[in-house]
Amino acid sequence: MEELELIVASAKQEMDAAIKHLDHAFQKIRAGRASTSMVQDVMVEYYGAPTPLSQVANVSVVDAMTLSIQPWDRTAIGAIAKGIVNSNLGFAPSNNGDVIIINVPPLTEERRRELAKQAKGETDQTKVTIRNARQEGNKELKRLDGIAEDLIKGAEKDIQDLTDAYVKKSDDAYKTKEAEILKV
């Protein structure tokens, strides 16, 4: 039945989106190495408007512990430094008038545990989203009229199988991220 397939496909799409969100969240959680994704959400006050850092400067990785930020407009260098400080990432940017350098401090054991806990929280939130997609799919199935009970049970099983697979994906992603964070 086409309606059943649409409901299962919709649940799968929501679960895919949850996993993509988890991946994006994990990119922001640093694991001891410098990465341009660490500053991707920094907003800079540029000509009176909050602007993403990527739209006012080129961000590059110099080495494992250093980021370089080259503004396209040199007058924005102060605003960029202020945006980095205000973003609460724990970075102290230094600037020589042309380029902003961020030295990524090595992670302490305590900070690693905090980051692992943050990753666990993101994973738990993703699982809630996946289960909500399952619940919504099952509600949609129950609303259908005139469809054989065994077909609906089959679709419910398909949604449950998807749920199990996506929860496992999120757990596997967490285990990988946790190992990356805790690795010294």
Protein backbone atom coordinates (compact mmCIF):
# COMPACT_ATOMS: atom_id res chain seq x y z
CA MET A 1 0.00 0.00 0.00
CA GLU A 2 1.32 3.38 -1.02
CA GLU A 3 0.06 5.16 2.13
CA LEU A 4 1.91 2.72 4.37
CA GLU A 5 5.13 3.15 2.39
CA LEU A 6 4.84 6.94 2.61
CA ILE A 7 4.45 6.82 6.40
CA VAL A 8 7.46 4.50 6.78
CA ALA A 9 9.51 6.69 4.39
CA SER A 10 8.55 9.82 6.33
CA ALA A 11 9.68 8.23 9.62
CA LYS A 12 12.96 7.19 7.97
CA GLN A 13 13.49 10.73 6.69
CA GLU A 14 13.02 12.18 10.19
CA MET A 15 15.47 9.64 11.61
CA ASP A 16 18.02 10.49 8.89
CA ALA A 17 17.69 14.17 9.81
CA ALA A 18 18.29 13.31 13.49
CA ILE A 19 21.53 11.47 12.62
CA LYS A 20 22.69 14.38 10.41
CA HIS A 21 22.02 16.76 13.30
CA LEU A 22 24.05 14.52 15.61
CA ASP A 23 26.97 14.51 13.17
CA HIS A 24 26.82 18.31 12.98
CA ALA A 25 26.72 18.57 16.78
CA PHE A 26 29.71 16.21 17.08
CA GLN A 27 31.75 18.37 14.68
CA LYS A 28 31.45 21.25 17.13
CA ILE A 29 32.72 19.14 20.04
CA ARG A 30 36.46 19.31 19.75
CA ALA A 31 38.62 16.30 20.38
CA GLY A 32 41.97 17.97 21.00
CA ARG A 33 42.84 18.86 17.40
CA ALA A 34 42.29 22.21 15.71
CA SER A 35 39.47 22.17 13.18
CA THR A 36 37.72 24.90 11.20
CA SER A 37 34.37 23.50 12.40
CA MET A 38 35.26 24.72 15.92
CA VAL A 39 34.50 28.30 14.90
CA GLN A 40 31.87 27.71 12.22
CA ASP A 41 29.04 29.02 14.42
CA VAL A 42 30.88 32.16 15.61
CA MET A 43 28.92 35.30 14.81
CA VAL A 44 30.73 38.58 14.14
CA GLU A 45 29.22 42.07 14.49
CA TYR A 46 30.01 43.29 10.96
CA TYR A 47 28.71 46.72 9.91
CA GLY A 48 26.05 46.50 12.62
CA ALA A 49 24.71 43.08 11.65
CA PRO A 50 25.53 39.68 13.18
CA THR A 51 27.34 37.79 10.42
CA PRO A 52 28.77 34.23 10.36
CA LEU A 53 32.57 34.22 10.64
CA SER A 54 32.85 32.27 7.37
CA GLN A 55 31.34 35.26 5.53
CA VAL A 56 33.91 37.78 6.75
CA ALA A 57 37.12 35.75 6.89
CA ASN A 58 38.99 32.70 5.68
CA VAL A 59 39.55 30.14 8.45
CA SER A 60 42.35 27.61 8.07
CA VAL A 61 44.20 25.05 10.16
CA VAL A 62 47.89 25.89 10.54
CA ASP A 63 48.80 22.78 12.54
CA ALA A 64 47.15 20.36 14.98
CA MET A 65 46.83 23.05 17.66
CA THR A 66 46.51 26.32 15.71
CA LEU A 67 43.81 28.05 13.66
CA SER A 68 44.43 31.05 11.43
CA ILE A 69 41.69 33.53 10.59
CA GLN A 70 42.39 35.90 7.69
CA PRO A 71 39.70 38.63 7.44
CA TRP A 72 38.80 39.85 3.98
CA ASP A 73 38.32 43.35 5.40
CA ARG A 74 41.13 44.32 7.81
CA THR A 75 38.83 46.72 9.65
CA ALA A 76 36.81 43.71 10.86
CA ILE A 77 39.72 42.13 12.75
CA GLY A 78 38.65 43.58 16.13
CA ALA A 79 35.04 42.50 15.63
CA ILE A 80 36.19 38.99 14.70
CA ALA A 81 38.35 38.71 17.82
CA LYS A 82 35.45 39.97 19.94
CA GLY A 83 33.07 37.47 18.30
CA ILE A 84 35.44 34.60 19.12
CA VAL A 85 35.75 35.69 22.76
CA ASN A 86 31.96 36.18 23.08
CA SER A 87 31.26 32.72 21.63
CA ASN A 88 32.43 31.09 24.91
CA LEU A 89 34.61 28.54 23.13
CA GLY A 90 37.41 29.11 25.61
CA PHE A 91 39.82 30.51 23.02
CA ALA A 92 42.03 33.55 23.50
CA PRO A 93 42.60 34.96 19.99
CA SER A 94 45.77 36.92 19.29
CA ASN A 95 46.00 39.30 16.37
CA ASN A 96 48.90 40.95 14.60
CA GLY A 97 46.77 43.42 12.63
CA ASP A 98 46.50 41.14 9.58
CA VAL A 99 45.64 37.70 10.90
CA ILE A 100 44.02 36.29 14.03
CA ILE A 101 45.75 33.25 15.50
CA ILE A 102 43.95 30.88 17.85
CA ASN A 103 46.08 28.47 19.82
CA VAL A 104 43.85 25.55 20.77
CA PRO A 105 44.78 24.61 24.33
CA PRO A 106 45.35 20.92 25.03
CA LEU A 107 42.39 19.30 26.73
CA THR A 108 42.59 18.50 30.42
CA GLU A 109 41.21 15.20 31.69
CA GLU A 110 38.31 17.07 33.32
CA ARG A 111 37.50 18.93 30.08
CA ARG A 112 37.62 15.64 28.13
CA ARG A 113 35.05 14.17 30.52
CA GLU A 114 32.84 17.27 30.10
CA LEU A 115 33.03 16.97 26.32
CA ALA A 116 32.22 13.24 26.49
CA LYS A 117 29.22 14.08 28.68
CA GLN A 118 28.15 16.75 26.17
CA ALA A 119 28.44 14.19 23.34
CA LYS A 120 26.35 11.74 25.39
CA GLY A 121 23.68 14.42 25.86
CA GLU A 122 23.56 15.06 22.11
CA THR A 123 23.26 11.32 21.50
CA ASP A 124 20.42 10.98 24.01
CA GLN A 125 18.60 13.91 22.38
CA THR A 126 19.01 12.23 18.98
CA LYS A 127 17.52 9.00 20.35
CA VAL A 128 14.52 10.96 21.66
CA THR A 129 14.03 12.48 18.20
CA ILE A 130 14.26 9.02 16.59
CA ARG A 131 11.71 7.58 19.01
CA ASN A 132 9.42 10.56 18.42
CA ALA A 133 9.59 9.82 14.68
CA ARG A 134 8.59 6.21 15.45
CA GLN A 135 5.72 7.36 17.65
CA GLU A 136 4.49 9.80 15.01
CA GLY A 137 4.69 7.11 12.31
CA ASN A 138 2.71 4.67 14.44
CA LYS A 139 0.06 7.34 15.13
CA GLU A 140 -0.28 7.95 11.38
CA LEU A 141 -0.71 4.20 10.80
CA LYS A 142 -3.48 4.00 13.41
CA ARG A 143 -5.35 6.86 11.69
CA LEU A 144 -5.60 4.91 8.43
CA ASP A 145 -9.00 3.38 7.69
CA GLY A 146 -9.86 0.42 5.51
CA ILE A 147 -6.42 -1.16 5.51
CA ALA A 148 -5.90 -4.76 6.61
CA GLU A 149 -4.62 -5.19 10.17
CA ASP A 150 -1.72 -7.40 9.07
CA LEU A 151 -0.47 -4.71 6.65
CA ILE A 152 -0.51 -2.11 9.43
CA LYS A 153 1.31 -4.52 11.78
CA GLY A 154 3.93 -5.06 9.06
CA ALA A 155 4.43 -1.31 8.65
CA GLU A 156 4.71 -0.90 12.45
CA LYS A 157 7.40 -3.60 12.43
CA ASP A 158 9.23 -1.79 9.62
CA ILE A 159 9.18 1.45 11.64
CA GLN A 160 10.41 -0.39 14.75
CA ASP A 161 13.24 -1.97 12.71
CA LEU A 162 14.22 1.50 11.45
CA THR A 163 14.11 2.84 15.01
CA ASP A 164 16.39 0.06 16.25
CA ALA A 165 18.84 0.63 13.38
CA TYR A 166 18.99 4.41 13.90
CA VAL A 167 19.38 4.13 17.68
CA LYS A 168 22.29 1.75 17.01
CA LYS A 169 23.77 4.27 14.53
CA SER A 170 23.62 7.03 17.14
CA ASP A 171 25.17 4.76 19.80
CA ASP A 172 27.97 3.77 17.39
CA ALA A 173 28.61 7.42 16.51
CA TYR A 174 28.79 8.25 20.22
CA LYS A 175 31.25 5.43 20.94
CA THR A 176 33.50 6.66 18.13
CA LYS A 177 33.29 10.29 19.31
CA GLU A 178 33.85 9.34 22.95
CA ALA A 179 36.98 7.35 22.03
CA GLU A 180 38.20 10.34 19.98
CA ILE A 181 37.57 12.76 22.87
CA LEU A 182 39.13 10.62 25.58
CA LYS A 183 42.19 9.66 23.51
CA VAL A 184 45.21 11.55 24.88
